[in-house]
Amino acid sequence: MADSVAAGLGDENETENEDNKGEKRLSGGVSKTGKHAGASDATETLGFYERKAKYKDRKSHVSDLSLLRFISAELTRGYFLEHNEAKYTERRERVYTCLRIPKELEKLMIFGFFLCLDVFLYVFTLLPLRVLLALIRLLTLPCCGLSGSRILQPAQVCDVLKGFIMVLCYFMMHYVDYSMMYHLIRGQSVIKLYIIYNMLEVADRLFSSFGQDILDALYWTATEPKERKRAHIGVIPHFFMAVLYVFLHAILIMVQATTLNVAFNSHNKSLLTIMMSNNFVEIKGSVFKKFEKNNLFQMSNSDIKERFTNYTLLLIVCLRNMEQFSWNPDHLWVLFPDVCMVIASEIAVDVVKHAFITKFNDITADVYSEYRASLAFDLVSSRQKNAYTDYSDSVSRRMGFIPLPLALLLIRVVTSSVKIQGSLSIICVVLFYLGMITLKVLNSIVLLGKSCMYVKEANMEEKLFQNPPSAAPSRVSSRVHRTKHTGEPPGEPVDEGMSASVTTQPTHRDESPAPQLPTSKSDQFLTTPDESEEKSLIQDETELKHRAPKKDLLEIDRFTICGNRID
């Protein structure tokens, strides 16, 4: 029984202990939950204050982005141009180039103007004397019994042909009535005259392009060695073709001068203003095109020829107007402002055009000194013993300036405007002719000295002592004709001289045909080419490079690109 009582007491003690442990656990859990609840309350209050602080910072940051702060930032912000030094240096050089263009261009224009003046005075001064000497030689040489020698030299034959052309065309020009042409043009409307003047400018370029070929064909046909087989139509047909060309070109220039005279004599000067605005249209047609140095050289030569022709047309207009007012000096001052306006507009258009062309194509202003040296080389080379062309013909090919039609028109206008009566008038004409000869000689001496200096500065002296290139056919038919008579194999080229030509046109070599695009499916261009195709493409590219060599300035002929056309 005692044992049962003791066991019961032990069980009671264990249950009490267990209850005490459960209470401790409950109190511990309650205390832990209280602690966690306090901690969560603390974190919630801290997050609230942090969000409030961030909101205050954001609000203060937004308050900083005010209008005054933006304006102050715009007024005080800075940058450094030296971070892109190369770009701004290039822009500055372009500005300096544009500022140098007027000076360099006018140097070239003045030199080219006096070259044209030298050729133009040659027709009035030395050409008649050379023709007279050739005719004296032609009449006296057979009497001396020198039948075995050559009667006339090739240069003398060309001079005699030029003299005969001028005489025949002068008599033909007497049948053209200048007064009737003036009143016929004056009766047209302003728009018609503007269109006519533009058409005349284009026709003048085309006539100049084809006319020099006609004259060269005549000179070569008359002086070609006679032992060769005849391959031409004869001297007489070529002579009549040359006479017809000079006559038609002279009439064309006469119509152009008459239109300009009508513009000067119009009451409101509207036609003159329209014709001057035509020069500024030229800027639009040339500035926004791609130009190489060779193309710019051709355009510069064309501008020189155009400026000299315009000055001569202004001289003809002044002569005609002074004749109508009985050579009253007061009327010359009436024409003077219009003449200055035309000249100033021509110079301004040329300067603006060349300045922007050099700017857009990254061409330096030093290129005009190279052009001047090339023109000087033509003059110096024509004085050599091995010269193969006359200087006047060289200028005609280089600039497109053919002096015969313009000189013929000036002679026609002067003879119709100035009446020669009495011995005093004859003495005045003789003195005027001697003055023109003096001017021609002085101009030639100064030009020759300047040309030698320009050639020496350009290091082109070695080219003066090179032999002139032999004749090279430029078409397949001429090669076939040569192989028939000489027996040369058609596949082997002939050594034609390696020296640079001054006035001859560059020859065209017929090589393999141009590569054609592969004719296959449309997705062929999206695939990678085979090795054989890559080799063929590389070979075609090398053939194209050899077929289109880079031309030297001395080999450029103005008529190789059909007048003034720039591709």
Foldseek 3Di string as FASTA:
>chain_A
DVVVVVVVVVVVVVVVVVVVVVVVVVVVVVVVVVVVVVVVVVVVVVVVVVVVVVVVVVVVVVVCPDPVNVVVCVVPDDDDPVVPVVVVVVVVQLVVQLVCQLVLLVVLLVLLLLLLVLLLLCVQFVLVVLQVVLVVLLVCVVVVVPPVDDSDDLVSVLSVLLVVLLVVLLVVCVVDDLVVLLVVLLPDDLVVLLVLLVVLVVVLLQLLLVLLVLSVVLSCQVNPDPVDDDDDDHNVVSSVVNSVSLNVSLVSLSSNLSSVLSLLPDDVSPSVVSNLVVLVVVLVVQLPDQDDLLLVLLVSLQLSQVLSSVVLSVVLSVLVVCLVVVNDVVVVVVSVVSVVVSNVSSSVSVSVSVSSNCSVHVNGSCSSLVSSLLLLVLLQLQPDPQDDDHSSSQSCFARSHDNSSSSSNVVSSCPVRDDQDDPVSVVVVVVVNVVSVVVSVVSSVVSNVVNVVSNVVVVNPVLSPFHAWDDDDQDPVVLVVCCVVPVDDSVDDDDGDDRAAQRDADHADDDDDQDDDDPDDPCPVVDDDDPVVVVVVVVNVVVVDVRDDDDDSRNDTSSVCPRSDDD
